[in-house]
């Protein structure tokens, strides 16, 4: 990894502590993003379940992905965040429901 796109991917790779401020309260999850040589992949663990993160796209500081959860509700989520200097800020959305604020920080080490 050497170009600007590669630097953006490096910024995302790692373990993230993420909080989503939902209408039913704040939910926390741990996200792990890795790069397998061809694409960025990931998992999210929270609310007693681990789910795959799919369709990860990195375009500069902007990162989008999809995720399906079953807890606390069965939802198909779409995330749209900006990642800069180990911080993540943006939103997620489930269908026509209102946007949910998403924030997080990458663990060091």
PDB file of N, CA and C in Angstrom:
ATOM      1  N   UNK A   1       0.847  -1.189   0.000  1.00  0.00           N
ATOM      2  CA  UNK A   1       0.000   0.000   0.000  1.00  0.00           C
ATOM      3  C   UNK A   1       0.887   1.245   0.000  1.00  0.00           C
ATOM      4  N   UNK A   2       0.704   2.111  -1.009  1.00  0.00           N
ATOM      5  CA  UNK A   2       1.576   3.274  -1.087  1.00  0.00           C
ATOM      6  C   UNK A   2       0.907   4.564  -1.538  1.00  0.00           C
ATOM      7  N   UNK A   3      -0.166   4.538  -2.301  1.00  0.00           N
ATOM      8  CA  UNK A   3      -0.792   5.754  -2.824  1.00  0.00           C
ATOM      9  C   UNK A   3      -1.795   6.360  -1.863  1.00  0.00           C
ATOM     10  N   UNK A   4      -2.442   7.483  -2.277  1.00  0.00           N
ATOM     11  CA  UNK A   4      -3.442   8.130  -1.426  1.00  0.00           C
ATOM     12  C   UNK A   4      -4.582   7.195  -1.028  1.00  0.00           C
ATOM     13  N   UNK A   5      -5.036   6.367  -1.968  1.00  0.00           N
ATOM     14  CA  UNK A   5      -6.111   5.419  -1.635  1.00  0.00           C
ATOM     15  C   UNK A   5      -5.630   4.420  -0.600  1.00  0.00           C
ATOM     16  N   UNK A   6      -4.369   3.993  -0.741  1.00  0.00           N
ATOM     17  CA  UNK A   6      -3.812   3.051   0.221  1.00  0.00           C
ATOM     18  C   UNK A   6      -3.688   3.679   1.599  1.00  0.00           C
ATOM     19  N   UNK A   7      -3.327   4.959   1.655  1.00  0.00           N
ATOM     20  CA  UNK A   7      -3.245   5.650   2.944  1.00  0.00           C
ATOM     21  C   UNK A   7      -4.612   5.731   3.606  1.00  0.00           C
ATOM     22  N   UNK A   8      -5.661   5.947   2.817  1.00  0.00           N
ATOM     23  CA  UNK A   8      -7.020   5.994   3.364  1.00  0.00           C
ATOM     24  C   UNK A   8      -7.408   4.630   3.928  1.00  0.00           C
ATOM     25  N   UNK A   9      -7.020   3.565   3.241  1.00  0.00           N
ATOM     26  CA  UNK A   9      -7.308   2.217   3.738  1.00  0.00           C
ATOM     27  C   UNK A   9      -6.545   1.966   5.029  1.00  0.00           C
ATOM     28  N   UNK A  10      -5.268   2.367   5.077  1.00  0.00           N
ATOM     29  CA  UNK A  10      -4.477   2.205   6.301  1.00  0.00           C
ATOM     30  C   UNK A  10      -5.124   2.923   7.476  1.00  0.00           C
ATOM     31  N   UNK A  11      -5.734   4.067   7.200  1.00  0.00           N
ATOM     32  CA  UNK A  11      -6.398   4.847   8.248  1.00  0.00           C
ATOM     33  C   UNK A  11      -7.566   4.067   8.856  1.00  0.00           C
ATOM     34  N   UNK A  12      -8.216   3.224   8.067  1.00  0.00           N
ATOM     35  CA  UNK A  12      -9.376   2.464   8.530  1.00  0.00           C
ATOM     36  C   UNK A  12      -9.002   1.152   9.213  1.00  0.00           C
ATOM     37  N   UNK A  13      -7.957   0.496   8.739  1.00  0.00           N
ATOM     38  CA  UNK A  13      -7.605  -0.834   9.228  1.00  0.00           C
ATOM     39  C   UNK A  13      -7.311  -0.793  10.723  1.00  0.00           C
ATOM     40  N   UNK A  14      -7.928  -1.725  11.460  1.00  0.00           N
ATOM     41  CA  UNK A  14      -7.685  -1.814  12.891  1.00  0.00           C
ATOM     42  C   UNK A  14      -8.955  -2.130  13.661  1.00  0.00           C
ATOM     43  N   UNK A  15      -8.860  -1.958  14.974  1.00  0.00           N
ATOM     44  CA  UNK A  15      -9.973  -2.225  15.884  1.00  0.00           C
ATOM     45  C   UNK A  15     -10.558  -0.894  16.325  1.00  0.00           C
ATOM     46  N   UNK A  16     -11.869  -0.776  16.211  1.00  0.00           N
ATOM     47  CA  UNK A  16     -12.577   0.472  16.501  1.00  0.00           C
ATOM     48  C   UNK A  16     -13.630   0.266  17.584  1.00  0.00           C
ATOM     49  N   UNK A  17     -13.673   1.179  18.540  1.00  0.00           N
ATOM     50  CA  UNK A  17     -14.761   1.245  19.517  1.00  0.00           C
ATOM     51  C   UNK A  17     -15.749   2.273  18.990  1.00  0.00           C
ATOM     52  N   UNK A  18     -16.963   1.821  18.681  1.00  0.00           N
ATOM     53  CA  UNK A  18     -17.946   2.657  17.995  1.00  0.00           C
ATOM     54  C   UNK A  18     -19.219   2.762  18.828  1.00  0.00           C
ATOM     55  N   UNK A  19     -19.793   3.963  18.860  1.00  0.00           N
ATOM     56  CA  UNK A  19     -21.061   4.208  19.546  1.00  0.00           C
ATOM     57  C   UNK A  19     -22.071   4.732  18.541  1.00  0.00           C
ATOM     58  N   UNK A  20     -23.273   4.173  18.601  1.00  0.00           N
ATOM     59  CA  UNK A  20     -24.380   4.624  17.760  1.00  0.00           C
ATOM     60  C   UNK A  20     -25.466   5.174  18.676  1.00  0.00           C
ATOM     61  N   UNK A  21     -25.830   6.434  18.473  1.00  0.00           N
ATOM     62  CA  UNK A  21     -26.864   7.067  19.295  1.00  0.00           C
ATOM     63  C   UNK A  21     -28.211   6.863  18.615  1.00  0.00           C
ATOM     64  N   UNK A  22     -28.960   5.861  19.070  1.00  0.00           N
ATOM     65  CA  UNK A  22     -30.221   5.478  18.444  1.00  0.00           C
ATOM     66  C   UNK A  22     -31.407   6.009  19.242  1.00  0.00           C
ATOM     67  N   UNK A  23     -32.596   5.975  18.679  1.00  0.00           N
ATOM     68  CA  UNK A  23     -33.789   6.395  19.422  1.00  0.00           C
ATOM     69  C   UNK A  23     -34.053   5.544  20.670  1.00  0.00           C
ATOM     70  N   UNK A  24     -33.506   4.314  20.712  1.00  0.00           N
ATOM     71  CA  UNK A  24     -33.709   3.471  21.891  1.00  0.00           C
ATOM     72  C   UNK A  24     -32.526   3.542  22.855  1.00  0.00           C
ATOM     73  N   UNK A  25     -31.603   4.460  22.620  1.00  0.00           N
ATOM     74  CA  UNK A  25     -30.440   4.637  23.482  1.00  0.00           C
ATOM     75  C   UNK A  25     -29.147   4.393  22.729  1.00  0.00           C
ATOM     76  N   UNK A  26     -28.041   4.659  23.403  1.00  0.00           N
ATOM     77  CA  UNK A  26     -26.724   4.469  22.788  1.00  0.00           C
ATOM     78  C   UNK A  26     -26.354   2.992  22.774  1.00  0.00           C
ATOM     79  N   UNK A  27     -25.842   2.547  21.646  1.00  0.00           N
ATOM     80  CA  UNK A  27     -25.377   1.174  21.489  1.00  0.00           C
ATOM     81  C   UNK A  27     -23.896   1.204  21.159  1.00  0.00           C
ATOM     82  N   UNK A  28     -23.149   0.289  21.761  1.00  0.00           N
ATOM     83  CA  UNK A  28     -21.711   0.208  21.519  1.00  0.00           C
ATOM     84  C   UNK A  28     -21.380  -1.075  20.777  1.00  0.00           C
ATOM     85  N   UNK A  29     -20.377  -0.993  19.929  1.00  0.00           N
ATOM     86  CA  UNK A  29     -19.913  -2.167  19.192  1.00  0.00           C
ATOM     87  C   UNK A  29     -18.421  -2.029  18.941  1.00  0.00           C
ATOM     88  N   UNK A  30     -17.780  -3.158  18.747  1.00  0.00           N
ATOM     89  CA  UNK A  30     -16.367  -3.189  18.383  1.00  0.00           C
ATOM     90  C   UNK A  30     -16.289  -3.649  16.932  1.00  0.00           C
ATOM     91  N   UNK A  31     -15.681  -2.817  16.102  1.00  0.00           N
ATOM     92  CA  UNK A  31     -15.505  -3.121  14.681  1.00  0.00           C
ATOM     93  C   UNK A  31     -14.048  -3.475  14.432  1.00  0.00           C
ATOM     94  N   UNK A  32     -13.833  -4.491  13.614  1.00  0.00           N
ATOM     95  CA  UNK A  32     -12.485  -4.877  13.205  1.00  0.00           C
ATOM     96  C   UNK A  32     -12.457  -4.849  11.679  1.00  0.00           C
ATOM     97  N   UNK A  33     -11.623  -3.964  11.132  1.00  0.00           N
ATOM     98  CA  UNK A  33     -11.458  -3.857   9.682  1.00  0.00           C
ATOM     99  C   UNK A  33     -10.081  -4.382   9.305  1.00  0.00           C
ATOM    100  N   UNK A  34     -10.034  -5.217   8.262  1.00  0.00           N
ATOM    101  CA  UNK A  34      -8.773  -5.747   7.750  1.00  0.00           C
ATOM    102  C   UNK A  34      -8.759  -5.601   6.230  1.00  0.00           C
ATOM    103  N   UNK A  35      -7.581  -5.746   5.658  1.00  0.00           N
ATOM    104  CA  UNK A  35      -7.422  -5.677   4.198  1.00  0.00           C
ATOM    105  C   UNK A  35      -6.816  -6.996   3.760  1.00  0.00           C
ATOM    106  N   UNK A  36      -7.504  -7.709   2.883  1.00  0.00           N
ATOM    107  CA  UNK A  36      -7.032  -9.035   2.476  1.00  0.00           C
ATOM    108  C   UNK A  36      -6.227  -9.008   1.176  1.00  0.00           C
ATOM    109  N   UNK A  37      -5.795  -7.825   0.768  1.00  0.00           N
ATOM    110  CA  UNK A  37      -5.039  -7.691  -0.474  1.00  0.00           C
ATOM    111  C   UNK A  37      -5.882  -7.219  -1.636  1.00  0.00           C
ATOM    112  N   UNK A  38      -7.160  -7.580  -1.631  1.00  0.00           N
ATOM    113  CA  UNK A  38      -8.069  -7.177  -2.701  1.00  0.00           C
ATOM    114  C   UNK A  38      -9.143  -6.214  -2.234  1.00  0.00           C
ATOM    115  N   UNK A  39      -9.578  -6.373  -0.999  1.00  0.00           N
ATOM    116  CA  UNK A  39     -10.677  -5.557  -0.495  1.00  0.00           C
ATOM    117  C   UNK A  39     -10.585  -5.400   1.016  1.00  0.00           C
ATOM    118  N   UNK A  40     -11.314  -4.417   1.529  1.00  0.00           N
ATOM    119  CA  UNK A  40     -11.425  -4.227   2.970  1.00  0.00           C
ATOM    120  C   UNK A  40     -12.621  -5.042   3.439  1.00  0.00           C
ATOM    121  N   UNK A  41     -12.420  -5.810   4.495  1.00  0.00           N
ATOM    122  CA  UNK A  41     -13.484  -6.619   5.082  1.00  0.00           C
ATOM    123  C   UNK A  41     -13.535  -6.327   6.573  1.00  0.00           C
ATOM    124  N   UNK A  42     -14.616  -6.743   7.221  1.00  0.00           N
ATOM    125  CA  UNK A  42     -14.700  -6.473   8.641  1.00  0.00           C
ATOM    126  C   UNK A  42     -15.785  -7.251   9.346  1.00  0.00           C
ATOM    127  N   UNK A  43     -15.763  -7.115  10.675  1.00  0.00           N
ATOM    128  CA  UNK A  43     -16.795  -7.682  11.534  1.00  0.00           C
ATOM    129  C   UNK A  43     -17.159  -6.644  12.583  1.00  0.00           C
ATOM    130  N   UNK A  44     -18.366  -6.792  13.109  1.00  0.00           N
ATOM    131  CA  UNK A  44     -18.829  -5.944  14.202  1.00  0.00           C
ATOM    132  C   UNK A  44     -19.355  -6.851  15.301  1.00  0.00           C
ATOM    133  N   UNK A  45     -18.971  -6.551  16.541  1.00  0.00           N
ATOM    134  CA  UNK A  45     -19.436  -7.320  17.681  1.00  0.00           C
ATOM    135  C   UNK A  45     -20.109  -6.382  18.658  1.00  0.00           C
ATOM    136  N   UNK A  46     -21.359  -6.692  18.990  1.00  0.00           N
ATOM    137  CA  UNK A  46     -22.108  -5.885  19.945  1.00  0.00           C
ATOM    138  C   UNK A  46     -23.480  -6.477  20.154  1.00  0.00           C
ATOM    139  N   UNK A  47     -24.109  -6.158  21.269  1.00  0.00           N
ATOM    140  CA  UNK A  47     -25.458  -6.645  21.601  1.00  0.00           C
ATOM    141  C   UNK A  47     -25.527  -8.165  21.542  1.00  0.00           C
ATOM    142  N   UNK A  48     -24.427  -8.833  21.906  1.00  0.00           N
ATOM    143  CA  UNK A  48     -24.435 -10.280  21.966  1.00  0.00           C
ATOM    144  C   UNK A  48     -24.341 -10.999  20.637  1.00  0.00           C
ATOM    145  N   UNK A  49     -23.949 -10.308  19.574  1.00  0.00           N
ATOM    146  CA  UNK A  49     -23.798 -10.970  18.279  1.00  0.00           C
ATOM    147  C   UNK A  49     -22.612 -10.397  17.513  1.00  0.00           C
ATOM    148  N   UNK A  50     -22.046 -11.235  16.636  1.00  0.00           N
ATOM    149  CA  UNK A  50     -20.999 -10.787  15.720  1.00  0.00           C
ATOM    150  C   UNK A  50     -21.556 -10.880  14.311  1.00  0.00           C
ATOM    151  N   UNK A  51     -21.420  -9.794  13.555  1.00  0.00           N
ATOM    152  CA  UNK A  51     -21.955  -9.764  12.196  1.00  0.00           C
ATOM    153  C   UNK A  51     -20.882  -9.302  11.221  1.00  0.00           C
ATOM    154  N   UNK A  52     -20.933  -9.805   9.985  1.00  0.00           N
ATOM    155  CA  UNK A  52     -19.980  -9.334   8.983  1.00  0.00           C
ATOM    156  C   UNK A  52     -20.333  -7.929   8.502  1.00  0.00           C
ATOM    157  N   UNK A  53     -19.302  -7.188   8.167  1.00  0.00           N
ATOM    158  CA  UNK A  53     -19.437  -5.875   7.545  1.00  0.00           C
ATOM    159  C   UNK A  53     -19.186  -6.107   6.058  1.00  0.00           C
ATOM    160  N   UNK A  54     -20.114  -5.668   5.204  1.00  0.00           N
ATOM    161  CA  UNK A  54     -20.006  -5.970   3.776  1.00  0.00           C
ATOM    162  C   UNK A  54     -19.980  -4.692   2.947  1.00  0.00           C
ATOM    163  N   UNK A  55     -19.595  -4.835   1.698  1.00  0.00           N
ATOM    164  CA  UNK A  55     -19.591  -3.731   0.724  1.00  0.00           C
ATOM    165  C   UNK A  55     -18.834  -2.511   1.239  1.00  0.00           C
ATOM    166  N   UNK A  56     -17.666  -2.746   1.844  1.00  0.00           N
ATOM    167  CA  UNK A  56     -16.863  -1.640   2.377  1.00  0.00           C
ATOM    168  C   UNK A  56     -16.245  -0.875   1.211  1.00  0.00           C
ATOM    169  N   UNK A  57     -16.462   0.438   1.204  1.00  0.00           N
ATOM    170  CA  UNK A  57     -15.864   1.315   0.184  1.00  0.00           C
ATOM    171  C   UNK A  57     -15.116   2.426   0.897  1.00  0.00           C
ATOM    172  N   UNK A  58     -13.886   2.639   0.475  1.00  0.00           N
ATOM    173  CA  UNK A  58     -13.054   3.703   1.031  1.00  0.00           C
ATOM    174  C   UNK A  58     -12.762   4.680  -0.090  1.00  0.00           C
ATOM    175  N   UNK A  59     -13.223   5.919   0.075  1.00  0.00           N
ATOM    176  CA  UNK A  59     -13.005   6.977  -0.916  1.00  0.00           C
ATOM    177  C   UNK A  59     -12.458   8.184  -0.181  1.00  0.00           C
ATOM    178  N   UNK A  60     -11.128   8.243  -0.077  1.00  0.00           N
ATOM    179  CA  UNK A  60     -10.516   9.291   0.740  1.00  0.00           C
ATOM    180  C   UNK A  60     -10.915   9.055   2.185  1.00  0.00           C
ATOM    181  N   UNK A  61     -11.290  10.112   2.900  1.00  0.00           N
ATOM    182  CA  UNK A  61     -11.678   9.910   4.295  1.00  0.00           C
ATOM    183  C   UNK A  61     -13.073   9.296   4.454  1.00  0.00           C
ATOM    184  N   UNK A  62     -13.849   9.256   3.365  1.00  0.00           N
ATOM    185  CA  UNK A  62     -15.217   8.736   3.446  1.00  0.00           C
ATOM    186  C   UNK A  62     -15.209   7.209   3.334  1.00  0.00           C
ATOM    187  N   UNK A  63     -15.915   6.575   4.271  1.00  0.00           N
ATOM    188  CA  UNK A  63     -16.024   5.116   4.287  1.00  0.00           C
ATOM    189  C   UNK A  63     -17.501   4.752   4.388  1.00  0.00           C
ATOM    190  N   UNK A  64     -17.936   3.834   3.540  1.00  0.00           N
ATOM    191  CA  UNK A  64     -19.311   3.337   3.609  1.00  0.00           C
ATOM    192  C   UNK A  64     -19.276   1.820   3.715  1.00  0.00           C
ATOM    193  N   UNK A  65     -20.293   1.257   4.374  1.00  0.00           N
ATOM    194  CA  UNK A  65     -20.429  -0.188   4.447  1.00  0.00           C
ATOM    195  C   UNK A  65     -21.860  -0.559   4.812  1.00  0.00           C
ATOM    196  N   UNK A  66     -22.146  -1.851   4.689  1.00  0.00           N
ATOM    197  CA  UNK A  66     -23.459  -2.393   5.038  1.00  0.00           C
ATOM    198  C   UNK A  66     -23.289  -3.454   6.112  1.00  0.00           C
ATOM    199  N   UNK A  67     -24.373  -3.629   6.858  1.00  0.00           N
ATOM    200  CA  UNK A  67     -24.348  -4.599   7.942  1.00  0.00           C
ATOM    201  C   UNK A  67     -25.786  -4.985   8.280  1.00  0.00           C
ATOM    202  N   UNK A  68     -26.026  -6.262   8.519  1.00  0.00           N
ATOM    203  CA  UNK A  68     -27.339  -6.739   8.963  1.00  0.00           C
ATOM    204  C   UNK A  68     -27.224  -7.194  10.407  1.00  0.00           C
ATOM    205  N   UNK A  69     -28.134  -6.726  11.255  1.00  0.00           N
ATOM    206  CA  UNK A  69     -28.126  -7.096  12.672  1.00  0.00           C
ATOM    207  C   UNK A  69     -29.466  -7.723  13.038  1.00  0.00           C
ATOM    208  N   UNK A  70     -29.447  -8.476  14.119  1.00  0.00           N
ATOM    209  CA  UNK A  70     -30.677  -9.079  14.637  1.00  0.00           C
ATOM    210  C   UNK A  70     -31.034  -8.542  16.011  1.00  0.00           C
ATOM    211  N   UNK A  71     -30.068  -7.923  16.685  1.00  0.00           N
ATOM    212  CA  UNK A  71     -30.299  -7.411  18.035  1.00  0.00           C
ATOM    213  C   UNK A  71     -29.906  -5.946  18.081  1.00  0.00           C
ATOM    214  N   UNK A  72     -30.590  -5.073  18.731  1.00  0.00           N
ATOM    215  CA  UNK A  72     -31.829  -5.317  19.478  1.00  0.00           C
ATOM    216  C   UNK A  72     -33.036  -5.514  18.565  1.00  0.00           C
ATOM    217  N   UNK A  73     -32.914  -5.135  17.282  1.00  0.00           N
ATOM    218  CA  UNK A  73     -33.969  -5.336  16.289  1.00  0.00           C
ATOM    219  C   UNK A  73     -33.344  -5.909  15.027  1.00  0.00           C
ATOM    220  N   UNK A  74     -34.127  -6.559  14.206  1.00  0.00           N
ATOM    221  CA  UNK A  74     -33.628  -7.057  12.922  1.00  0.00           C
ATOM    222  C   UNK A  74     -33.621  -5.885  11.940  1.00  0.00           C
ATOM    223  N   UNK A  75     -32.415  -5.459  11.535  1.00  0.00           N
ATOM    224  CA  UNK A  75     -32.278  -4.294  10.664  1.00  0.00           C
ATOM    225  C   UNK A  75     -31.168  -4.512   9.643  1.00  0.00           C
ATOM    226  N   UNK A  76     -31.335  -3.930   8.475  1.00  0.00           N
ATOM    227  CA  UNK A  76     -30.275  -3.840   7.473  1.00  0.00           C
ATOM    228  C   UNK A  76     -29.778  -2.404   7.502  1.00  0.00           C
ATOM    229  N   UNK A  77     -28.538  -2.224   7.911  1.00  0.00           N
ATOM    230  CA  UNK A  77     -27.975  -0.895   8.130  1.00  0.00           C
ATOM    231  C   UNK A  77     -27.017  -0.507   7.016  1.00  0.00           C
ATOM    232  N   UNK A  78     -26.986   0.785   6.722  1.00  0.00           N
ATOM    233  CA  UNK A  78     -25.999   1.360   5.814  1.00  0.00           C
ATOM    234  C   UNK A  78     -25.265   2.453   6.570  1.00  0.00           C
ATOM    235  N   UNK A  79     -23.940   2.385   6.571  1.00  0.00           N
ATOM    236  CA  UNK A  79     -23.108   3.341   7.290  1.00  0.00           C
ATOM    237  C   UNK A  79     -22.418   4.275   6.309  1.00  0.00           C
ATOM    238  N   UNK A  80     -22.244   5.522   6.728  1.00  0.00           N
ATOM    239  CA  UNK A  80     -21.547   6.539   5.940  1.00  0.00           C
ATOM    240  C   UNK A  80     -20.803   7.414   6.936  1.00  0.00           C
ATOM    241  N   UNK A  81     -19.483   7.234   7.012  1.00  0.00           N
ATOM    242  CA  UNK A  81     -18.679   7.943   8.010  1.00  0.00           C
ATOM    243  C   UNK A  81     -17.442   8.552   7.360  1.00  0.00           C
ATOM    244  N   UNK A  82     -16.813   9.466   8.090  1.00  0.00           N
ATOM    245  CA  UNK A  82     -15.492   9.971   7.720  1.00  0.00           C
ATOM    246  C   UNK A  82     -14.510   9.512   8.779  1.00  0.00           C
ATOM    247  N   UNK A  83     -13.342   9.082   8.320  1.00  0.00           N
ATOM    248  CA  UNK A  83     -12.297   8.591   9.205  1.00  0.00           C
ATOM    249  C   UNK A  83     -11.087   9.492   9.047  1.00  0.00           C
ATOM    250  N   UNK A  84     -10.677  10.098  10.166  1.00  0.00           N
ATOM    251  CA  UNK A  84      -9.499  10.981  10.161  1.00  0.00           C
ATOM    252  C   UNK A  84      -8.771  10.865  11.493  1.00  0.00           C
ATOM    253  N   UNK A  85      -7.476  10.658  11.415  1.00  0.00           N
ATOM    254  CA  UNK A  85      -6.611  10.659  12.598  1.00  0.00           C
ATOM    255  C   UNK A  85      -7.147   9.779  13.718  1.00  0.00           C
ATOM    256  N   UNK A  86      -7.600   8.586  13.361  1.00  0.00           N
ATOM    257  CA  UNK A  86      -8.057   7.640  14.371  1.00  0.00           C
ATOM    258  C   UNK A  86      -9.434   7.915  14.941  1.00  0.00           C
ATOM    259  N   UNK A  87     -10.159   8.832  14.331  1.00  0.00           N
ATOM    260  CA  UNK A  87     -11.526   9.145  14.775  1.00  0.00           C
ATOM    261  C   UNK A  87     -12.503   8.877  13.636  1.00  0.00           C
ATOM    262  N   UNK A  88     -13.704   8.453  13.990  1.00  0.00           N
ATOM    263  CA  UNK A  88     -14.755   8.146  13.028  1.00  0.00           C
ATOM    264  C   UNK A  88     -15.995   8.954  13.401  1.00  0.00           C
ATOM    265  N   UNK A  89     -16.619   9.589  12.416  1.00  0.00           N
ATOM    266  CA  UNK A  89     -17.835  10.360  12.676  1.00  0.00           C
ATOM    267  C   UNK A  89     -18.726  10.316  11.443  1.00  0.00           C
ATOM    268  N   UNK A  90     -20.001  10.054  11.660  1.00  0.00           N
ATOM    269  CA  UNK A  90     -20.943   9.996  10.550  1.00  0.00           C
ATOM    270  C   UNK A  90     -22.287   9.496  11.012  1.00  0.00           C
ATOM    271  N   UNK A  91     -22.917   8.657  10.171  1.00  0.00           N
ATOM    272  CA  UNK A  91     -24.248   8.170  10.521  1.00  0.00           C
ATOM    273  C   UNK A  91     -24.490   6.783   9.930  1.00  0.00           C
ATOM    274  N   UNK A  92     -25.508   6.151  10.474  1.00  0.00           N
ATOM    275  CA  UNK A  92     -26.028   4.925   9.879  1.00  0.00           C
ATOM    276  C   UNK A  92     -27.512   5.132   9.643  1.00  0.00           C
ATOM    277  N   UNK A  93     -28.060   4.288   8.800  1.00  0.00           N
ATOM    278  CA  UNK A  93     -29.487   4.405   8.500  1.00  0.00           C
ATOM    279  C   UNK A  93     -30.033   3.008   8.198  1.00  0.00           C
ATOM    280  N   UNK A  94     -31.229   2.762   8.697  1.00  0.00           N
ATOM    281  CA  UNK A  94     -31.933   1.510   8.422  1.00  0.00           C
ATOM    282  C   UNK A  94     -33.178   1.851   7.623  1.00  0.00           C
ATOM    283  N   UNK A  95     -33.118   1.627   6.312  1.00  0.00           N
ATOM    284  CA  UNK A  95     -34.278   1.909   5.469  1.00  0.00           C
ATOM    285  C   UNK A  95     -34.727   3.350   5.562  1.00  0.00           C
ATOM    286  N   UNK A  96     -36.012   3.538   5.859  1.00  0.00           N
ATOM    287  CA  UNK A  96     -36.569   4.889   5.933  1.00  0.00           C
ATOM    288  C   UNK A  96     -36.529   5.472   7.341  1.00  0.00           C
ATOM    289  N   UNK A  97     -35.938   4.753   8.278  1.00  0.00           N
ATOM    290  CA  UNK A  97     -35.812   5.283   9.637  1.00  0.00           C
ATOM    291  C   UNK A  97     -34.857   6.472   9.640  1.00  0.00           C
ATOM    292  N   UNK A  98     -34.955   7.339  10.659  1.00  0.00           N
ATOM    293  CA  UNK A  98     -34.039   8.487  10.728  1.00  0.00           C
ATOM    294  C   UNK A  98     -32.581   8.040  10.848  1.00  0.00           C
ATOM    295  N   UNK A  99     -31.688   8.919  10.439  1.00  0.00           N
ATOM    296  CA  UNK A  99     -30.258   8.656  10.576  1.00  0.00           C
ATOM    297  C   UNK A  99     -29.892   8.551  12.052  1.00  0.00           C
ATOM    298  N   UNK A 100     -28.912   7.701  12.327  1.00  0.00           N
ATOM    299  CA  UNK A 100     -28.380   7.518  13.671  1.00  0.00           C
ATOM    300  C   UNK A 100     -26.938   8.006  13.676  1.00  0.00           C
ATOM    301  N   UNK A 101     -26.588   8.851  14.635  1.00  0.00           N
ATOM    302  CA  UNK A 101     -25.217   9.356  14.732  1.00  0.00           C
ATOM    303  C   UNK A 101     -24.271   8.222  15.119  1.00  0.00           C
ATOM    304  N   UNK A 102     -23.140   8.162  14.431  1.00  0.00           N
ATOM    305  CA  UNK A 102     -22.113   7.159  14.682  1.00  0.00           C
ATOM    306  C   UNK A 102     -20.807   7.878  14.980  1.00  0.00           C
ATOM    307  N   UNK A 103     -20.137   7.475  16.057  1.00  0.00           N
ATOM    308  CA  UNK A 103     -18.813   8.023  16.362  1.00  0.00           C
ATOM    309  C   UNK A 103     -17.950   6.899  16.923  1.00  0.00           C
ATOM    310  N   UNK A 104     -16.655   7.044  16.745  1.00  0.00           N
ATOM    311  CA  UNK A 104     -15.772   6.014  17.263  1.00  0.00           C
ATOM    312  C   UNK A 104     -14.323   6.429  17.217  1.00  0.00           C
ATOM    313  N   UNK A 105     -13.503   5.608  17.859  1.00  0.00           N
ATOM    314  CA  UNK A 105     -12.057   5.841  17.803  1.00  0.00           C
ATOM    315  C   UNK A 105     -11.339   4.502  17.656  1.00  0.00           C
ATOM    316  N   UNK A 106     -10.245   4.560  16.921  1.00  0.00           N
ATOM    317  CA  UNK A 106      -9.439   3.363  16.691  1.00  0.00           C
ATOM    318  C   UNK A 106      -8.565   3.115  17.907  1.00  0.00           C
ATOM    319  N   UNK A 107      -8.514   1.869  18.324  1.00  0.00           N
ATOM    320  CA  UNK A 107      -7.644   1.496  19.439  1.00  0.00           C
ATOM    321  C   UNK A 107      -6.190   1.598  18.989  1.00  0.00           C
ATOM    322  N   UNK A 108      -5.361   2.064  19.877  1.00  0.00           N
ATOM    323  CA  UNK A 108      -3.932   2.152  19.540  1.00  0.00           C
ATOM    324  C   UNK A 108      -3.275   0.805  19.812  1.00  0.00           C
ATOM    325  N   UNK A 109      -2.167   0.595  19.111  1.00  0.00           N
ATOM    326  CA  UNK A 109      -1.409  -0.631  19.332  1.00  0.00           C
ATOM    327  C   UNK A 109      -1.718  -1.671  18.431  1.00  0.00           C
TER     328      UNK A 109
END
